[in-house]
Amino acid sequence: MTYETVAAFAQTWGLLYAAVLFGGVLAYALWPRNQAKFDRAASMPLDEEIDQ
């Protein structure tokens, strides 16, 4: 294998891997079942109570 072959393979499949990973993270973040969890996390800095 030459460097050009390996580089082309890594670029093509690396882009595909990153796109699939991004899609999975986006689906997890926008899934309706997770909305309450993210709403709680978003309001945590505004809570008066400090847990130690």
N, C-alpha and C. Protein backbone atom coordinates (compact mmCIF):
# COMPACT_ATOMS: atom_id res chain seq x y z
N MET A 1 0.83 -1.18 0.00
CA MET A 1 0.00 0.00 0.00
C MET A 1 0.87 1.25 0.00
N THR A 2 0.41 2.20 -0.74
CA THR A 2 1.14 3.46 -0.77
C THR A 2 0.51 4.44 0.22
N TYR A 3 1.23 5.49 0.46
CA TYR A 3 0.72 6.52 1.38
C TYR A 3 -0.58 7.12 0.85
N GLU A 4 -0.66 7.36 -0.45
CA GLU A 4 -1.85 7.96 -1.03
C GLU A 4 -3.08 7.08 -0.85
N THR A 5 -2.91 5.77 -0.98
CA THR A 5 -4.01 4.83 -0.80
C THR A 5 -4.50 4.84 0.64
N VAL A 6 -3.57 4.79 1.57
CA VAL A 6 -3.94 4.80 2.99
C VAL A 6 -4.59 6.13 3.37
N ALA A 7 -4.06 7.23 2.86
CA ALA A 7 -4.61 8.54 3.16
C ALA A 7 -6.03 8.69 2.61
N ALA A 8 -6.26 8.22 1.39
CA ALA A 8 -7.60 8.30 0.80
C ALA A 8 -8.58 7.43 1.59
N PHE A 9 -8.15 6.24 1.99
CA PHE A 9 -9.00 5.36 2.78
C PHE A 9 -9.35 6.00 4.11
N ALA A 10 -8.36 6.56 4.80
CA ALA A 10 -8.59 7.17 6.10
C ALA A 10 -9.49 8.39 5.99
N GLN A 11 -9.33 9.18 4.95
CA GLN A 11 -10.16 10.37 4.78
C GLN A 11 -11.61 10.00 4.50
N THR A 12 -11.81 9.03 3.62
CA THR A 12 -13.16 8.62 3.26
C THR A 12 -13.89 7.99 4.43
N TRP A 13 -13.31 6.98 5.04
CA TRP A 13 -13.97 6.27 6.13
C TRP A 13 -13.97 7.08 7.41
N GLY A 14 -12.99 7.94 7.59
CA GLY A 14 -13.00 8.83 8.75
C GLY A 14 -14.14 9.83 8.68
N LEU A 15 -14.40 10.35 7.50
CA LEU A 15 -15.53 11.27 7.32
C LEU A 15 -16.85 10.54 7.55
N LEU A 16 -16.97 9.35 7.04
CA LEU A 16 -18.19 8.57 7.24
C LEU A 16 -18.40 8.26 8.73
N TYR A 17 -17.33 7.87 9.41
CA TYR A 17 -17.39 7.59 10.84
C TYR A 17 -17.81 8.83 11.63
N ALA A 18 -17.23 9.97 11.31
CA ALA A 18 -17.57 11.21 12.00
C ALA A 18 -19.02 11.61 11.74
N ALA A 19 -19.51 11.42 10.53
CA ALA A 19 -20.88 11.77 10.21
C ALA A 19 -21.86 10.87 10.95
N VAL A 20 -21.57 9.59 11.04
CA VAL A 20 -22.44 8.66 11.77
C VAL A 20 -22.41 8.98 13.26
N LEU A 21 -21.25 9.25 13.79
CA LEU A 21 -21.13 9.61 15.20
C LEU A 21 -21.88 10.90 15.50
N PHE A 22 -21.74 11.91 14.65
CA PHE A 22 -22.46 13.16 14.82
C PHE A 22 -23.97 12.94 14.77
N GLY A 23 -24.43 12.11 13.85
CA GLY A 23 -25.85 11.81 13.75
C GLY A 23 -26.37 11.11 15.00
N GLY A 24 -25.57 10.21 15.56
CA GLY A 24 -25.97 9.53 16.79
C GLY A 24 -26.06 10.48 17.97
N VAL A 25 -25.10 11.36 18.10
CA VAL A 25 -25.11 12.34 19.19
C VAL A 25 -26.28 13.30 19.02
N LEU A 26 -26.54 13.73 17.80
CA LEU A 26 -27.65 14.63 17.54
C LEU A 26 -28.99 13.95 17.84
N ALA A 27 -29.14 12.70 17.44
CA ALA A 27 -30.37 11.96 17.73
C ALA A 27 -30.56 11.80 19.23
N TYR A 28 -29.48 11.52 19.97
CA TYR A 28 -29.58 11.38 21.42
C TYR A 28 -29.99 12.70 22.07
N ALA A 29 -29.42 13.79 21.60
CA ALA A 29 -29.71 15.09 22.20
C ALA A 29 -31.13 15.55 21.90
N LEU A 30 -31.67 15.20 20.76
CA LEU A 30 -33.00 15.66 20.36
C LEU A 30 -34.11 14.64 20.62
N TRP A 31 -33.77 13.48 21.17
CA TRP A 31 -34.77 12.45 21.43
C TRP A 31 -35.75 12.98 22.49
N PRO A 32 -37.04 12.88 22.26
CA PRO A 32 -38.02 13.45 23.20
C PRO A 32 -37.91 12.90 24.63
N ARG A 33 -37.54 11.68 24.79
CA ARG A 33 -37.44 11.07 26.12
C ARG A 33 -36.34 11.73 26.96
N ASN A 34 -35.33 12.31 26.34
CA ASN A 34 -34.22 12.93 27.06
C ASN A 34 -34.44 14.40 27.39
N GLN A 35 -35.58 14.96 26.98
CA GLN A 35 -35.80 16.38 27.17
C GLN A 35 -35.81 16.78 28.64
N ALA A 36 -36.45 16.00 29.51
CA ALA A 36 -36.51 16.34 30.93
C ALA A 36 -35.11 16.35 31.54
N LYS A 37 -34.29 15.41 31.15
CA LYS A 37 -32.92 15.33 31.66
C LYS A 37 -32.12 16.59 31.28
N PHE A 38 -32.25 17.02 30.04
CA PHE A 38 -31.51 18.19 29.59
C PHE A 38 -32.09 19.48 30.18
N ASP A 39 -33.40 19.52 30.39
CA ASP A 39 -34.00 20.69 31.04
C ASP A 39 -33.51 20.84 32.47
N ARG A 40 -33.42 19.72 33.20
CA ARG A 40 -32.88 19.75 34.57
C ARG A 40 -31.43 20.22 34.56
N ALA A 41 -30.65 19.71 33.66
CA ALA A 41 -29.23 20.09 33.58
C ALA A 41 -29.09 21.57 33.22
N ALA A 42 -29.97 22.08 32.38
CA ALA A 42 -29.89 23.48 31.98
C ALA A 42 -30.23 24.42 33.13
N SER A 43 -31.09 23.98 34.04
CA SER A 43 -31.49 24.85 35.14
C SER A 43 -30.64 24.67 36.39
N MET A 44 -29.72 23.74 36.40
CA MET A 44 -28.89 23.49 37.58
C MET A 44 -28.09 24.72 38.02
N PRO A 45 -27.49 25.50 37.13
CA PRO A 45 -26.73 26.67 37.61
C PRO A 45 -27.60 27.72 38.29
N LEU A 46 -28.89 27.70 38.03
CA LEU A 46 -29.79 28.69 38.60
C LEU A 46 -30.41 28.25 39.92
N ASP A 47 -30.19 27.01 40.33
CA ASP A 47 -30.77 26.51 41.57
C ASP A 47 -30.11 27.18 42.77
N GLU A 48 -30.91 27.52 43.77
CA GLU A 48 -30.41 28.15 44.98
C GLU A 48 -29.70 27.13 45.88
N GLU A 49 -30.19 25.93 45.89
CA GLU A 49 -29.67 24.89 46.77
C GLU A 49 -28.30 24.41 46.27
N ILE A 50 -27.35 24.32 47.19
CA ILE A 50 -26.00 23.87 46.83
C ILE A 50 -25.80 22.48 47.44
N ASP A 51 -25.55 21.51 46.59
CA ASP A 51 -25.28 20.15 47.05
C ASP A 51 -23.79 19.96 47.19
N GLN A 52 -23.39 19.43 48.34
CA GLN A 52 -21.96 19.18 48.54
C GLN A 52 -21.72 17.75 48.89
